[in-house]
Amino acid sequence: MVDKKRGSDAKPVRTEVVVNQIIRLRFLDPLASCDVLAQKLKQMGYSVSKRSIERTITEYGLKKNSLFQPDERKAKTRSRH
């Protein structure tokens, strides 16, 4: 048996340029969903799936909750009374 290289033979979609654009868009609009970011990237000419955007956001710690300081988070949440 010959060991085969793991993974796809296709080029990775998340190039350095695409990752930088995802991070940039996330900081410009921290409350935007992955759907919105995917649409913006598509308009810019990049074909990236929502899942790839989710992975990038998770890897770089850019989830919505982590972008706000604790005091800001309290101000943005609704009261449940």
PDB file of N, CA and C in Angstrom:
ATOM      1  N   MET A   1       0.829  -1.197   0.000  1.00  0.00           N
ATOM      2  CA  MET A   1       0.000   0.000   0.000  1.00  0.00           C
ATOM      3  C   MET A   1       0.867   1.253   0.000  1.00  0.00           C
ATOM      4  N   VAL A   2       0.438   2.208  -0.771  1.00  0.00           N
ATOM      5  CA  VAL A   2       1.152   3.476  -0.856  1.00  0.00           C
ATOM      6  C   VAL A   2       0.329   4.519  -0.112  1.00  0.00           C
ATOM      7  N   ASP A   3       0.990   5.229   0.775  1.00  0.00           N
ATOM      8  CA  ASP A   3       0.293   6.287   1.514  1.00  0.00           C
ATOM      9  C   ASP A   3       0.021   7.458   0.591  1.00  0.00           C
ATOM     10  N   LYS A   4      -1.219   7.901   0.610  1.00  0.00           N
ATOM     11  CA  LYS A   4      -1.599   9.055  -0.202  1.00  0.00           C
ATOM     12  C   LYS A   4      -1.630  10.305   0.669  1.00  0.00           C
ATOM     13  N   LYS A   5      -1.375  11.414   0.028  1.00  0.00           N
ATOM     14  CA  LYS A   5      -1.455  12.703   0.702  1.00  0.00           C
ATOM     15  C   LYS A   5      -2.908  12.959   1.094  1.00  0.00           C
ATOM     16  N   ARG A   6      -3.118  13.403   2.310  1.00  0.00           N
ATOM     17  CA  ARG A   6      -4.471  13.674   2.784  1.00  0.00           C
ATOM     18  C   ARG A   6      -4.975  15.009   2.264  1.00  0.00           C
ATOM     19  N   GLY A   7      -6.288  15.117   2.185  1.00  0.00           N
ATOM     20  CA  GLY A   7      -6.896  16.383   1.795  1.00  0.00           C
ATOM     21  C   GLY A   7      -7.164  16.479   0.311  1.00  0.00           C
ATOM     22  N   SER A   8      -7.700  17.604  -0.048  1.00  0.00           N
ATOM     23  CA  SER A   8      -8.090  17.866  -1.435  1.00  0.00           C
ATOM     24  C   SER A   8      -6.894  18.291  -2.278  1.00  0.00           C
ATOM     25  N   ASP A   9      -6.995  18.021  -3.569  1.00  0.00           N
ATOM     26  CA  ASP A   9      -5.958  18.461  -4.497  1.00  0.00           C
ATOM     27  C   ASP A   9      -6.199  19.893  -4.978  1.00  0.00           C
ATOM     28  N   ALA A  10      -7.378  20.429  -4.658  1.00  0.00           N
ATOM     29  CA  ALA A  10      -7.736  21.782  -5.101  1.00  0.00           C
ATOM     30  C   ALA A  10      -6.970  22.834  -4.289  1.00  0.00           C
ATOM     31  N   LYS A  11      -6.836  24.011  -4.883  1.00  0.00           N
ATOM     32  CA  LYS A  11      -6.200  25.123  -4.183  1.00  0.00           C
ATOM     33  C   LYS A  11      -7.082  25.555  -3.012  1.00  0.00           C
ATOM     34  N   PRO A  12      -6.490  25.983  -1.913  1.00  0.00           N
ATOM     35  CA  PRO A  12      -7.297  26.451  -0.788  1.00  0.00           C
ATOM     36  C   PRO A  12      -8.027  27.748  -1.139  1.00  0.00           C
ATOM     37  N   VAL A  13      -9.248  27.862  -0.657  1.00  0.00           N
ATOM     38  CA  VAL A  13     -10.061  29.050  -0.924  1.00  0.00           C
ATOM     39  C   VAL A  13      -9.644  30.192  -0.001  1.00  0.00           C
ATOM     40  N   ARG A  14      -9.267  29.835   1.211  1.00  0.00           N
ATOM     41  CA  ARG A  14      -8.921  30.855   2.198  1.00  0.00           C
ATOM     42  C   ARG A  14      -7.453  31.260   2.054  1.00  0.00           C
ATOM     43  N   THR A  15      -7.193  32.030   1.038  1.00  0.00           N
ATOM     44  CA  THR A  15      -5.846  32.551   0.843  1.00  0.00           C
ATOM     45  C   THR A  15      -5.611  33.674   1.850  1.00  0.00           C
ATOM     46  N   GLU A  16      -4.388  34.128   1.929  1.00  0.00           N
ATOM     47  CA  GLU A  16      -4.053  35.210   2.864  1.00  0.00           C
ATOM     48  C   GLU A  16      -4.869  36.468   2.559  1.00  0.00           C
ATOM     49  N   VAL A  17      -5.068  36.744   1.285  1.00  0.00           N
ATOM     50  CA  VAL A  17      -5.838  37.924   0.872  1.00  0.00           C
ATOM     51  C   VAL A  17      -7.290  37.796   1.333  1.00  0.00           C
ATOM     52  N   VAL A  18      -7.887  36.621   1.141  1.00  0.00           N
ATOM     53  CA  VAL A  18      -9.284  36.411   1.529  1.00  0.00           C
ATOM     54  C   VAL A  18      -9.425  36.492   3.046  1.00  0.00           C
ATOM     55  N   VAL A  19      -8.508  35.879   3.782  1.00  0.00           N
ATOM     56  CA  VAL A  19      -8.554  35.929   5.244  1.00  0.00           C
ATOM     57  C   VAL A  19      -8.456  37.378   5.718  1.00  0.00           C
ATOM     58  N   ASN A  20      -7.561  38.157   5.119  1.00  0.00           N
ATOM     59  CA  ASN A  20      -7.428  39.572   5.497  1.00  0.00           C
ATOM     60  C   ASN A  20      -8.714  40.347   5.214  1.00  0.00           C
ATOM     61  N   GLN A  21      -9.369  40.037   4.105  1.00  0.00           N
ATOM     62  CA  GLN A  21     -10.637  40.712   3.774  1.00  0.00           C
ATOM     63  C   GLN A  21     -11.735  40.335   4.775  1.00  0.00           C
ATOM     64  N   ILE A  22     -11.787  39.064   5.170  1.00  0.00           N
ATOM     65  CA  ILE A  22     -12.787  38.629   6.153  1.00  0.00           C
ATOM     66  C   ILE A  22     -12.576  39.367   7.466  1.00  0.00           C
ATOM     67  N   ILE A  23     -11.333  39.449   7.914  1.00  0.00           N
ATOM     68  CA  ILE A  23     -11.015  40.147   9.162  1.00  0.00           C
ATOM     69  C   ILE A  23     -11.371  41.621   9.036  1.00  0.00           C
ATOM     70  N   ARG A  24     -11.027  42.226   7.921  1.00  0.00           N
ATOM     71  CA  ARG A  24     -11.324  43.650   7.688  1.00  0.00           C
ATOM     72  C   ARG A  24     -12.833  43.905   7.736  1.00  0.00           C
ATOM     73  N   LEU A  25     -13.590  43.077   7.015  1.00  0.00           N
ATOM     74  CA  LEU A  25     -15.039  43.250   6.990  1.00  0.00           C
ATOM     75  C   LEU A  25     -15.653  43.040   8.366  1.00  0.00           C
ATOM     76  N   ARG A  26     -15.102  42.088   9.121  1.00  0.00           N
ATOM     77  CA  ARG A  26     -15.627  41.812  10.459  1.00  0.00           C
ATOM     78  C   ARG A  26     -15.426  43.013  11.372  1.00  0.00           C
ATOM     79  N   PHE A  27     -14.263  43.659  11.284  1.00  0.00           N
ATOM     80  CA  PHE A  27     -14.018  44.830  12.125  1.00  0.00           C
ATOM     81  C   PHE A  27     -14.841  46.032  11.669  1.00  0.00           C
ATOM     82  N   LEU A  28     -15.107  46.151  10.375  1.00  0.00           N
ATOM     83  CA  LEU A  28     -15.932  47.260   9.892  1.00  0.00           C
ATOM     84  C   LEU A  28     -17.387  47.108  10.322  1.00  0.00           C
ATOM     85  N   ASP A  29     -17.870  45.865  10.377  1.00  0.00           N
ATOM     86  CA  ASP A  29     -19.255  45.604  10.765  1.00  0.00           C
ATOM     87  C   ASP A  29     -19.304  44.369  11.658  1.00  0.00           C
ATOM     88  N   PRO A  30     -19.025  44.537  12.956  1.00  0.00           N
ATOM     89  CA  PRO A  30     -18.918  43.391  13.856  1.00  0.00           C
ATOM     90  C   PRO A  30     -20.211  42.601  14.037  1.00  0.00           C
ATOM     91  N   LEU A  31     -21.348  43.196  13.761  1.00  0.00           N
ATOM     92  CA  LEU A  31     -22.620  42.510  13.952  1.00  0.00           C
ATOM     93  C   LEU A  31     -23.125  41.825  12.684  1.00  0.00           C
ATOM     94  N   ALA A  32     -22.379  41.923  11.591  1.00  0.00           N
ATOM     95  CA  ALA A  32     -22.795  41.300  10.333  1.00  0.00           C
ATOM     96  C   ALA A  32     -22.696  39.779  10.440  1.00  0.00           C
ATOM     97  N   SER A  33     -23.663  39.094   9.850  1.00  0.00           N
ATOM     98  CA  SER A  33     -23.653  37.634   9.858  1.00  0.00           C
ATOM     99  C   SER A  33     -22.686  37.113   8.797  1.00  0.00           C
ATOM    100  N   CYS A  34     -22.431  35.817   8.851  1.00  0.00           N
ATOM    101  CA  CYS A  34     -21.551  35.194   7.848  1.00  0.00           C
ATOM    102  C   CYS A  34     -22.173  35.274   6.462  1.00  0.00           C
ATOM    103  N   ASP A  35     -23.507  35.235   6.390  1.00  0.00           N
ATOM    104  CA  ASP A  35     -24.195  35.385   5.106  1.00  0.00           C
ATOM    105  C   ASP A  35     -23.885  36.744   4.484  1.00  0.00           C
ATOM    106  N   VAL A  36     -23.945  37.763   5.302  1.00  0.00           N
ATOM    107  CA  VAL A  36     -23.686  39.129   4.828  1.00  0.00           C
ATOM    108  C   VAL A  36     -22.229  39.267   4.387  1.00  0.00           C
ATOM    109  N   LEU A  37     -21.318  38.717   5.185  1.00  0.00           N
ATOM    110  CA  LEU A  37     -19.898  38.792   4.825  1.00  0.00           C
ATOM    111  C   LEU A  37     -19.625  38.040   3.529  1.00  0.00           C
ATOM    112  N   ALA A  38     -20.279  36.881   3.356  1.00  0.00           N
ATOM    113  CA  ALA A  38     -20.109  36.112   2.115  1.00  0.00           C
ATOM    114  C   ALA A  38     -20.604  36.911   0.915  1.00  0.00           C
ATOM    115  N   GLN A  39     -21.728  37.599   1.075  1.00  0.00           N
ATOM    116  CA  GLN A  39     -22.276  38.411  -0.010  1.00  0.00           C
ATOM    117  C   GLN A  39     -21.334  39.565  -0.355  1.00  0.00           C
ATOM    118  N   LYS A  40     -20.791  40.221   0.667  1.00  0.00           N
ATOM    119  CA  LYS A  40     -19.859  41.328   0.428  1.00  0.00           C
ATOM    120  C   LYS A  40     -18.602  40.839  -0.293  1.00  0.00           C
ATOM    121  N   LEU A  41     -18.092  39.674   0.131  1.00  0.00           N
ATOM    122  CA  LEU A  41     -16.908  39.118  -0.525  1.00  0.00           C
ATOM    123  C   LEU A  41     -17.218  38.741  -1.967  1.00  0.00           C
ATOM    124  N   LYS A  42     -18.417  38.226  -2.210  1.00  0.00           N
ATOM    125  CA  LYS A  42     -18.812  37.875  -3.574  1.00  0.00           C
ATOM    126  C   LYS A  42     -18.850  39.125  -4.454  1.00  0.00           C
ATOM    127  N   GLN A  43     -19.362  40.226  -3.898  1.00  0.00           N
ATOM    128  CA  GLN A  43     -19.407  41.486  -4.640  1.00  0.00           C
ATOM    129  C   GLN A  43     -18.002  42.004  -4.934  1.00  0.00           C
ATOM    130  N   MET A  44     -17.057  41.648  -4.068  1.00  0.00           N
ATOM    131  CA  MET A  44     -15.666  42.065  -4.262  1.00  0.00           C
ATOM    132  C   MET A  44     -14.922  41.131  -5.212  1.00  0.00           C
ATOM    133  N   GLY A  45     -15.565  40.036  -5.619  1.00  0.00           N
ATOM    134  CA  GLY A  45     -14.956  39.132  -6.579  1.00  0.00           C
ATOM    135  C   GLY A  45     -14.346  37.874  -5.994  1.00  0.00           C
ATOM    136  N   TYR A  46     -14.585  37.612  -4.694  1.00  0.00           N
ATOM    137  CA  TYR A  46     -14.058  36.416  -4.048  1.00  0.00           C
ATOM    138  C   TYR A  46     -15.183  35.406  -3.857  1.00  0.00           C
ATOM    139  N   SER A  47     -14.926  34.156  -4.177  1.00  0.00           N
ATOM    140  CA  SER A  47     -15.915  33.099  -4.000  1.00  0.00           C
ATOM    141  C   SER A  47     -15.546  32.301  -2.754  1.00  0.00           C
ATOM    142  N   VAL A  48     -16.205  32.611  -1.637  1.00  0.00           N
ATOM    143  CA  VAL A  48     -15.908  31.977  -0.364  1.00  0.00           C
ATOM    144  C   VAL A  48     -17.211  31.509   0.260  1.00  0.00           C
ATOM    145  N   SER A  49     -17.218  30.299   0.786  1.00  0.00           N
ATOM    146  CA  SER A  49     -18.430  29.765   1.410  1.00  0.00           C
ATOM    147  C   SER A  49     -18.634  30.360   2.800  1.00  0.00           C
ATOM    148  N   LYS A  50     -19.875  30.277   3.271  1.00  0.00           N
ATOM    149  CA  LYS A  50     -20.183  30.763   4.620  1.00  0.00           C
ATOM    150  C   LYS A  50     -19.387  29.988   5.661  1.00  0.00           C
ATOM    151  N   ARG A  51     -19.225  28.690   5.421  1.00  0.00           N
ATOM    152  CA  ARG A  51     -18.487  27.845   6.366  1.00  0.00           C
ATOM    153  C   ARG A  51     -17.019  28.270   6.457  1.00  0.00           C
ATOM    154  N   SER A  52     -16.416  28.636   5.342  1.00  0.00           N
ATOM    155  CA  SER A  52     -15.029  29.111   5.364  1.00  0.00           C
ATOM    156  C   SER A  52     -14.913  30.411   6.150  1.00  0.00           C
ATOM    157  N   ILE A  53     -15.917  31.258   6.025  1.00  0.00           N
ATOM    158  CA  ILE A  53     -15.939  32.508   6.782  1.00  0.00           C
ATOM    159  C   ILE A  53     -16.088  32.213   8.270  1.00  0.00           C
ATOM    160  N   GLU A  54     -16.978  31.275   8.608  1.00  0.00           N
ATOM    161  CA  GLU A  54     -17.159  30.884  10.008  1.00  0.00           C
ATOM    162  C   GLU A  54     -15.855  30.344  10.600  1.00  0.00           C
ATOM    163  N   ARG A  55     -15.159  29.507   9.840  1.00  0.00           N
ATOM    164  CA  ARG A  55     -13.879  28.952  10.312  1.00  0.00           C
ATOM    165  C   ARG A  55     -12.864  30.055  10.580  1.00  0.00           C
ATOM    166  N   THR A  56     -12.777  30.999   9.668  1.00  0.00           N
ATOM    167  CA  THR A  56     -11.817  32.099   9.819  1.00  0.00           C
ATOM    168  C   THR A  56     -12.149  32.936  11.049  1.00  0.00           C
ATOM    169  N   ILE A  57     -13.416  33.255  11.225  1.00  0.00           N
ATOM    170  CA  ILE A  57     -13.844  34.053  12.378  1.00  0.00           C
ATOM    171  C   ILE A  57     -13.525  33.327  13.677  1.00  0.00           C
ATOM    172  N   THR A  58     -13.765  32.020  13.707  1.00  0.00           N
ATOM    173  CA  THR A  58     -13.478  31.237  14.906  1.00  0.00           C
ATOM    174  C   THR A  58     -11.983  31.150  15.171  1.00  0.00           C
ATOM    175  N   GLU A  59     -11.197  30.894  14.126  1.00  0.00           N
ATOM    176  CA  GLU A  59      -9.743  30.767  14.284  1.00  0.00           C
ATOM    177  C   GLU A  59      -9.100  32.044  14.813  1.00  0.00           C
ATOM    178  N   TYR A  60      -9.615  33.186  14.393  1.00  0.00           N
ATOM    179  CA  TYR A  60      -9.026  34.458  14.805  1.00  0.00           C
ATOM    180  C   TYR A  60      -9.743  35.081  15.999  1.00  0.00           C
ATOM    181  N   GLY A  61     -10.699  34.372  16.577  1.00  0.00           N
ATOM    182  CA  GLY A  61     -11.393  34.867  17.771  1.00  0.00           C
ATOM    183  C   GLY A  61     -12.210  36.104  17.505  1.00  0.00           C
ATOM    184  N   LEU A  62     -12.883  36.168  16.364  1.00  0.00           N
ATOM    185  CA  LEU A  62     -13.635  37.364  15.982  1.00  0.00           C
ATOM    186  C   LEU A  62     -15.146  37.153  16.103  1.00  0.00           C
ATOM    187  N   LYS A  63     -15.567  36.281  17.001  1.00  0.00           N
ATOM    188  CA  LYS A  63     -17.001  36.079  17.184  1.00  0.00           C
ATOM    189  C   LYS A  63     -17.614  37.352  17.742  1.00  0.00           C
ATOM    190  N   LYS A  64     -18.909  37.505  17.542  1.00  0.00           N
ATOM    191  CA  LYS A  64     -19.590  38.741  17.938  1.00  0.00           C
ATOM    192  C   LYS A  64     -19.361  39.068  19.408  1.00  0.00           C
ATOM    193  N   ASN A  65     -19.453  38.080  20.288  1.00  0.00           N
ATOM    194  CA  ASN A  65     -19.308  38.330  21.718  1.00  0.00           C
ATOM    195  C   ASN A  65     -17.904  38.769  22.104  1.00  0.00           C
ATOM    196  N   SER A  66     -16.889  38.297  21.402  1.00  0.00           N
ATOM    197  CA  SER A  66     -15.516  38.621  21.773  1.00  0.00           C
ATOM    198  C   SER A  66     -15.057  39.979  21.247  1.00  0.00           C
ATOM    199  N   LEU A  67     -15.837  40.595  20.363  1.00  0.00           N
ATOM    200  CA  LEU A  67     -15.424  41.881  19.804  1.00  0.00           C
ATOM    201  C   LEU A  67     -15.755  43.055  20.720  1.00  0.00           C
ATOM    202  N   PHE A  68     -16.686  42.835  21.649  1.00  0.00           N
ATOM    203  CA  PHE A  68     -17.092  43.904  22.550  1.00  0.00           C
ATOM    204  C   PHE A  68     -16.445  43.713  23.909  1.00  0.00           C
ATOM    205  N   GLN A  69     -16.176  44.811  24.566  1.00  0.00           N
ATOM    206  CA  GLN A  69     -15.692  44.758  25.929  1.00  0.00           C
ATOM    207  C   GLN A  69     -16.878  44.388  26.823  1.00  0.00           C
ATOM    208  N   PRO A  70     -16.661  43.842  28.017  1.00  0.00           N
ATOM    209  CA  PRO A  70     -17.773  43.424  28.874  1.00  0.00           C
ATOM    210  C   PRO A  70     -18.810  44.519  29.121  1.00  0.00           C
ATOM    211  N   ASP A  71     -18.385  45.767  29.318  1.00  0.00           N
ATOM    212  CA  ASP A  71     -19.329  46.858  29.559  1.00  0.00           C
ATOM    213  C   ASP A  71     -20.176  47.136  28.327  1.00  0.00           C
ATOM    214  N   GLU A  72     -19.564  47.072  27.156  1.00  0.00           N
ATOM    215  CA  GLU A  72     -20.296  47.312  25.920  1.00  0.00           C
ATOM    216  C   GLU A  72     -21.303  46.205  25.668  1.00  0.00           C
ATOM    217  N   ARG A  73     -20.954  44.979  26.003  1.00  0.00           N
ATOM    218  CA  ARG A  73     -21.826  43.832  25.778  1.00  0.00           C
ATOM    219  C   ARG A  73     -23.115  43.994  26.584  1.00  0.00           C
ATOM    220  N   LYS A  74     -22.994  44.450  27.827  1.00  0.00           N
ATOM    221  CA  LYS A  74     -24.174  44.654  28.657  1.00  0.00           C
ATOM    222  C   LYS A  74     -25.088  45.722  28.075  1.00  0.00           C
ATOM    223  N   ALA A  75     -24.497  46.762  27.522  1.00  0.00           N
ATOM    224  CA  ALA A  75     -25.285  47.844  26.949  1.00  0.00           C
ATOM    225  C   ALA A  75     -26.004  47.398  25.681  1.00  0.00           C
ATOM    226  N   LYS A  76     -25.435  46.461  24.942  1.00  0.00           N
ATOM    227  CA  LYS A  76     -26.010  46.025  23.674  1.00  0.00           C
ATOM    228  C   LYS A  76     -27.086  44.964  23.846  1.00  0.00           C
ATOM    229  N   THR A  77     -27.091  44.221  24.961  1.00  0.00           N
ATOM    230  CA  THR A  77     -28.075  43.160  25.153  1.00  0.00           C
ATOM    231  C   THR A  77     -29.382  43.752  25.662  1.00  0.00           C
ATOM    232  N   ARG A  78     -30.455  43.050  25.340  1.00  0.00           N
ATOM    233  CA  ARG A  78     -31.773  43.511  25.765  1.00  0.00           C
ATOM    234  C   ARG A  78     -32.086  43.003  27.150  1.00  0.00           C
ATOM    235  N   SER A  79     -32.858  43.749  27.855  1.00  0.00           N
ATOM    236  CA  SER A  79     -33.324  43.327  29.159  1.00  0.00           C
ATOM    237  C   SER A  79     -34.448  42.306  28.989  1.00  0.00           C
ATOM    238  N   ARG A  80     -34.421  41.268  29.778  1.00  0.00           N
ATOM    239  CA  ARG A  80     -35.429  40.204  29.628  1.00  0.00           C
ATOM    240  C   ARG A  80     -36.504  40.305  30.715  1.00  0.00           C
ATOM    241  N   HIS A  81     -36.809  41.491  31.159  1.00  0.00           N
ATOM    242  CA  HIS A  81     -37.843  41.649  32.205  1.00  0.00           C
ATOM    243  C   HIS A  81     -39.190  41.877  31.594  1.00  0.00           C
TER     244      HIS A  81
END
